[in-house]
Every structure is written in structure tokens, then in C-alpha cells.
Amino acid sequence: MICARLLTTSFNNGCARLSEANMSLVDPKLTTTELLKLAADHHQKKVELTEEERRLLIAMLKERGQDELDYGQEMEVNSVRLVKRVNGAVGVYFS
């Protein structure tokens, strides 16, 4: 699983301080199936995504659906379906 946050330690006047450096879970290198799994995990509250990451994830899934699916075809992982309708519209559906 990809780490959501990286904890780093910095020293200021001899005192250790932890800070979080955000790392995005949404990566264009992930396969479509992995992106669907990430969407399902977020929907089931197993993974927390920012609003920006969520929008990026949905946009990437729609783009992948446009490129990879045939008309009328769908792909499903857990509770998330990626559907390319016969008219060419692509949607991401959560159940």
C-alpha cells in the first residue's frame, strides 16, 4: 500500500519536532484496476483523500475509461464501476 503521509523529524534548538509532508496517493503510474481499488477504499473510508486528490482520481478514471473501454463495456472493482456507455459517455459509479 502507498503511504499517505511521511513523518519527518526536524531539530530546532535541540527539540525534536515531527511534521507531516503530504504525498499524493493518486499516481498516473497506477493501473486502472489500482485506481478503481483506491476509489473503492476511499468510498469505504479505508483511505482518506483530499478533495483535490478525489477530483483527480475521478478525472483519471474517466480518461482511462475513455481510452481503455469499448462502447458498452464496464469494469468493476469492489463497490466501484467504471462504465463507458454506447453513446461514449464515461461514468464512475459507487454502490
N, C-alpha and C. Protein backbone atom coordinates (compact mmCIF):
# COMPACT_ATOMS: atom_id res chain seq x y z
N MET A 1 0.84 -1.18 0.00
CA MET A 1 0.00 0.00 0.00
C MET A 1 0.88 1.24 0.00
N ILE A 2 0.45 2.26 -0.67
CA ILE A 2 1.21 3.50 -0.77
C ILE A 2 0.98 4.33 0.48
N CYS A 3 2.03 4.94 1.02
CA CYS A 3 1.91 5.75 2.23
C CYS A 3 1.27 7.09 1.91
N ALA A 4 0.35 7.51 2.76
CA ALA A 4 -0.33 8.79 2.54
C ALA A 4 0.48 9.95 3.08
N ARG A 5 1.18 9.75 4.15
CA ARG A 5 1.93 10.83 4.76
C ARG A 5 3.29 10.32 5.22
N LEU A 6 4.25 11.18 5.15
CA LEU A 6 5.60 10.86 5.58
C LEU A 6 5.92 11.74 6.78
N LEU A 7 6.29 11.13 7.88
CA LEU A 7 6.67 11.90 9.06
C LEU A 7 8.16 12.18 9.02
N THR A 8 8.51 13.42 9.19
CA THR A 8 9.92 13.79 9.21
C THR A 8 10.23 14.44 10.55
N THR A 9 11.46 14.35 10.95
CA THR A 9 11.88 14.95 12.21
C THR A 9 12.83 16.09 11.92
N SER A 10 12.57 17.21 12.54
CA SER A 10 13.50 18.34 12.42
C SER A 10 13.87 18.79 13.83
N PHE A 11 15.04 19.36 13.94
CA PHE A 11 15.51 19.81 15.25
C PHE A 11 15.59 21.32 15.26
N ASN A 12 14.99 21.92 16.29
CA ASN A 12 15.01 23.36 16.46
C ASN A 12 15.40 23.62 17.91
N ASN A 13 16.56 24.20 18.11
CA ASN A 13 17.07 24.46 19.47
C ASN A 13 17.14 23.19 20.30
N GLY A 14 17.52 22.09 19.69
CA GLY A 14 17.69 20.85 20.41
C GLY A 14 16.41 20.07 20.64
N CYS A 15 15.26 20.58 20.22
CA CYS A 15 13.99 19.88 20.42
C CYS A 15 13.54 19.23 19.11
N ALA A 16 13.17 17.99 19.20
CA ALA A 16 12.69 17.28 18.01
C ALA A 16 11.24 17.68 17.75
N ARG A 17 10.93 17.88 16.48
CA ARG A 17 9.57 18.23 16.11
C ARG A 17 9.18 17.39 14.89
N LEU A 18 8.03 16.73 14.97
CA LEU A 18 7.55 15.94 13.85
C LEU A 18 6.67 16.80 12.96
N SER A 19 6.85 16.66 11.68
CA SER A 19 5.98 17.37 10.74
C SER A 19 5.57 16.38 9.66
N GLU A 20 4.41 16.65 9.07
CA GLU A 20 3.91 15.77 8.03
C GLU A 20 4.15 16.39 6.67
N ALA A 21 4.66 15.59 5.76
CA ALA A 21 4.80 16.02 4.37
C ALA A 21 3.82 15.18 3.56
N ASN A 22 2.80 15.82 3.01
CA ASN A 22 1.77 15.08 2.27
C ASN A 22 2.33 14.52 0.97
N MET A 23 1.97 13.28 0.71
CA MET A 23 2.32 12.62 -0.54
C MET A 23 1.01 12.15 -1.15
N SER A 24 0.83 12.38 -2.42
CA SER A 24 -0.42 12.01 -3.06
C SER A 24 -0.49 10.51 -3.29
N LEU A 25 -1.66 9.95 -3.02
CA LEU A 25 -1.91 8.53 -3.29
C LEU A 25 -2.25 8.32 -4.76
N VAL A 26 -2.76 9.36 -5.41
CA VAL A 26 -3.20 9.26 -6.80
C VAL A 26 -1.99 9.47 -7.70
N ASP A 27 -1.62 8.42 -8.42
CA ASP A 27 -0.43 8.45 -9.25
C ASP A 27 -0.78 7.97 -10.65
N PRO A 28 -0.41 8.71 -11.69
CA PRO A 28 -0.71 8.29 -13.06
C PRO A 28 -0.08 6.94 -13.44
N LYS A 29 0.91 6.51 -12.68
CA LYS A 29 1.56 5.22 -12.97
C LYS A 29 0.72 4.02 -12.53
N LEU A 30 -0.30 4.27 -11.70
CA LEU A 30 -1.17 3.18 -11.24
C LEU A 30 -2.02 2.67 -12.40
N THR A 31 -2.30 1.38 -12.39
CA THR A 31 -3.17 0.80 -13.41
C THR A 31 -4.61 1.23 -13.14
N THR A 32 -5.47 1.02 -14.12
CA THR A 32 -6.88 1.37 -13.95
C THR A 32 -7.50 0.58 -12.81
N THR A 33 -7.15 -0.68 -12.70
CA THR A 33 -7.65 -1.52 -11.61
C THR A 33 -7.19 -0.98 -10.26
N GLU A 34 -5.95 -0.55 -10.16
CA GLU A 34 -5.43 0.01 -8.91
C GLU A 34 -6.14 1.33 -8.56
N LEU A 35 -6.43 2.14 -9.58
CA LEU A 35 -7.16 3.39 -9.34
C LEU A 35 -8.57 3.10 -8.86
N LEU A 36 -9.22 2.10 -9.46
CA LEU A 36 -10.56 1.71 -9.00
C LEU A 36 -10.52 1.19 -7.56
N LYS A 37 -9.49 0.44 -7.22
CA LYS A 37 -9.33 -0.07 -5.86
C LYS A 37 -9.15 1.09 -4.88
N LEU A 38 -8.35 2.09 -5.28
CA LEU A 38 -8.15 3.27 -4.44
C LEU A 38 -9.47 4.02 -4.25
N ALA A 39 -10.26 4.15 -5.31
CA ALA A 39 -11.57 4.80 -5.21
C ALA A 39 -12.49 4.02 -4.28
N ALA A 40 -12.47 2.70 -4.38
CA ALA A 40 -13.29 1.86 -3.51
C ALA A 40 -12.85 2.00 -2.05
N ASP A 41 -11.55 2.00 -1.82
CA ASP A 41 -11.03 2.16 -0.46
C ASP A 41 -11.42 3.51 0.13
N HIS A 42 -11.38 4.55 -0.69
CA HIS A 42 -11.80 5.87 -0.21
C HIS A 42 -13.30 5.88 0.09
N HIS A 43 -14.08 5.27 -0.78
CA HIS A 43 -15.54 5.22 -0.59
C HIS A 43 -15.90 4.46 0.69
N GLN A 44 -15.13 3.43 1.01
CA GLN A 44 -15.37 2.62 2.20
C GLN A 44 -14.63 3.17 3.43
N LYS A 45 -14.06 4.37 3.29
CA LYS A 45 -13.37 5.07 4.39
C LYS A 45 -12.13 4.34 4.89
N LYS A 46 -11.52 3.52 4.04
CA LYS A 46 -10.27 2.84 4.41
C LYS A 46 -9.06 3.73 4.14
N VAL A 47 -9.22 4.68 3.18
CA VAL A 47 -8.17 5.60 2.79
C VAL A 47 -8.76 7.00 2.75
N GLU A 48 -8.03 7.96 3.24
CA GLU A 48 -8.50 9.34 3.22
C GLU A 48 -7.82 10.09 2.09
N LEU A 49 -8.62 10.71 1.23
CA LEU A 49 -8.11 11.53 0.14
C LEU A 49 -8.59 12.96 0.33
N THR A 50 -7.77 13.90 -0.09
CA THR A 50 -8.20 15.29 -0.07
C THR A 50 -9.21 15.48 -1.20
N GLU A 51 -9.92 16.59 -1.16
CA GLU A 51 -10.89 16.89 -2.23
C GLU A 51 -10.19 16.97 -3.58
N GLU A 52 -9.02 17.56 -3.61
CA GLU A 52 -8.24 17.67 -4.84
C GLU A 52 -7.84 16.29 -5.37
N GLU A 53 -7.38 15.42 -4.47
CA GLU A 53 -6.99 14.06 -4.88
C GLU A 53 -8.21 13.28 -5.39
N ARG A 54 -9.35 13.48 -4.75
CA ARG A 54 -10.57 12.80 -5.17
C ARG A 54 -10.98 13.23 -6.57
N ARG A 55 -10.94 14.54 -6.83
CA ARG A 55 -11.28 15.04 -8.17
C ARG A 55 -10.31 14.52 -9.22
N LEU A 56 -9.02 14.49 -8.88
CA LEU A 56 -8.00 13.98 -9.80
C LEU A 56 -8.24 12.51 -10.08
N LEU A 57 -8.55 11.74 -9.05
CA LEU A 57 -8.81 10.30 -9.20
C LEU A 57 -9.99 10.05 -10.14
N ILE A 58 -11.09 10.77 -9.95
CA ILE A 58 -12.27 10.60 -10.80
C ILE A 58 -11.95 11.00 -12.24
N ALA A 59 -11.23 12.11 -12.42
CA ALA A 59 -10.85 12.56 -13.76
C ALA A 59 -9.96 11.53 -14.46
N MET A 60 -9.00 10.98 -13.71
CA MET A 60 -8.12 9.96 -14.30
C MET A 60 -8.89 8.71 -14.68
N LEU A 61 -9.84 8.29 -13.83
CA LEU A 61 -10.65 7.12 -14.13
C LEU A 61 -11.49 7.34 -15.39
N LYS A 62 -12.08 8.53 -15.52
CA LYS A 62 -12.90 8.82 -16.70
C LYS A 62 -12.04 8.83 -17.97
N GLU A 63 -10.85 9.40 -17.86
CA GLU A 63 -9.94 9.42 -19.01
C GLU A 63 -9.52 8.00 -19.39
N ARG A 64 -9.20 7.19 -18.39
CA ARG A 64 -8.82 5.80 -18.65
C ARG A 64 -9.98 5.02 -19.28
N GLY A 65 -11.19 5.27 -18.77
CA GLY A 65 -12.37 4.61 -19.32
C GLY A 65 -12.57 4.97 -20.78
N GLN A 66 -12.35 6.23 -21.11
CA GLN A 66 -12.49 6.68 -22.50
C GLN A 66 -11.48 5.98 -23.40
N ASP A 67 -10.25 5.82 -22.90
CA ASP A 67 -9.18 5.23 -23.69
C ASP A 67 -9.20 3.71 -23.73
N GLU A 68 -9.55 3.06 -22.62
CA GLU A 68 -9.36 1.62 -22.48
C GLU A 68 -10.62 0.77 -22.68
N LEU A 69 -11.80 1.37 -22.48
CA LEU A 69 -13.03 0.57 -22.58
C LEU A 69 -13.67 0.74 -23.95
N ASP A 70 -14.33 -0.32 -24.41
CA ASP A 70 -15.12 -0.25 -25.62
C ASP A 70 -16.51 0.26 -25.27
N TYR A 71 -17.24 0.71 -26.27
CA TYR A 71 -18.61 1.19 -26.05
C TYR A 71 -19.45 0.08 -25.41
N GLY A 72 -20.15 0.41 -24.33
CA GLY A 72 -20.99 -0.55 -23.63
C GLY A 72 -20.25 -1.43 -22.63
N GLN A 73 -18.95 -1.27 -22.52
CA GLN A 73 -18.14 -2.09 -21.62
C GLN A 73 -18.05 -1.43 -20.25
N GLU A 74 -17.86 -2.23 -19.22
CA GLU A 74 -17.65 -1.70 -17.88
C GLU A 74 -16.62 -2.53 -17.14
N MET A 75 -16.05 -1.91 -16.12
CA MET A 75 -15.03 -2.54 -15.29
C MET A 75 -15.44 -2.30 -13.85
N GLU A 76 -15.36 -3.33 -13.01
CA GLU A 76 -15.81 -3.19 -11.63
C GLU A 76 -14.76 -3.73 -10.67
N VAL A 77 -14.50 -2.97 -9.61
CA VAL A 77 -13.64 -3.39 -8.52
C VAL A 77 -14.35 -3.04 -7.22
N ASN A 78 -14.63 -4.05 -6.43
CA ASN A 78 -15.36 -3.89 -5.17
C ASN A 78 -16.66 -3.13 -5.41
N SER A 79 -16.79 -1.94 -4.86
CA SER A 79 -18.05 -1.19 -4.95
C SER A 79 -18.02 -0.08 -6.00
N VAL A 80 -17.02 -0.09 -6.88
CA VAL A 80 -16.87 0.97 -7.87
C VAL A 80 -16.91 0.39 -9.28
N ARG A 81 -17.74 1.03 -10.13
CA ARG A 81 -17.85 0.61 -11.54
C ARG A 81 -17.44 1.76 -12.44
N LEU A 82 -16.63 1.43 -13.43
CA LEU A 82 -16.24 2.37 -14.48
C LEU A 82 -16.98 1.92 -15.73
N VAL A 83 -17.84 2.79 -16.28
CA VAL A 83 -18.72 2.39 -17.38
C VAL A 83 -18.53 3.33 -18.56
N LYS A 84 -18.42 2.73 -19.75
CA LYS A 84 -18.42 3.52 -20.99
C LYS A 84 -19.71 3.16 -21.73
N ARG A 85 -20.61 4.08 -21.78
CA ARG A 85 -21.92 3.86 -22.40
C ARG A 85 -21.79 3.78 -23.92
N VAL A 86 -22.83 3.27 -24.56
CA VAL A 86 -22.80 3.11 -26.01
C VAL A 86 -22.73 4.46 -26.72
N ASN A 87 -23.12 5.54 -26.06
CA ASN A 87 -23.01 6.87 -26.66
C ASN A 87 -21.64 7.51 -26.41
N GLY A 88 -20.75 6.79 -25.72
CA GLY A 88 -19.39 7.26 -25.47
C GLY A 88 -19.18 7.95 -24.14
N ALA A 89 -20.27 8.23 -23.41
CA ALA A 89 -20.12 8.87 -22.09
C ALA A 89 -19.51 7.89 -21.10
N VAL A 90 -18.58 8.39 -20.30
CA VAL A 90 -17.91 7.55 -19.29
C VAL A 90 -18.32 8.04 -17.91
N GLY A 91 -18.65 7.10 -17.02
CA GLY A 91 -19.05 7.44 -15.67
C GLY A 91 -18.40 6.53 -14.65
N VAL A 92 -18.27 7.05 -13.44
CA VAL A 92 -17.76 6.28 -12.31
C VAL A 92 -18.90 6.19 -11.31
N TYR A 93 -19.27 4.98 -10.94
CA TYR A 93 -20.43 4.76 -10.07
C TYR A 93 -20.03 4.00 -8.81
N PHE A 94 -20.55 4.46 -7.69
CA PHE A 94 -20.27 3.84 -6.39
C PHE A 94 -21.53 3.20 -5.86
N SER A 95 -21.40 2.00 -5.28
CA SER A 95 -22.57 1.34 -4.70
C SER A 95 -22.33 1.02 -3.24
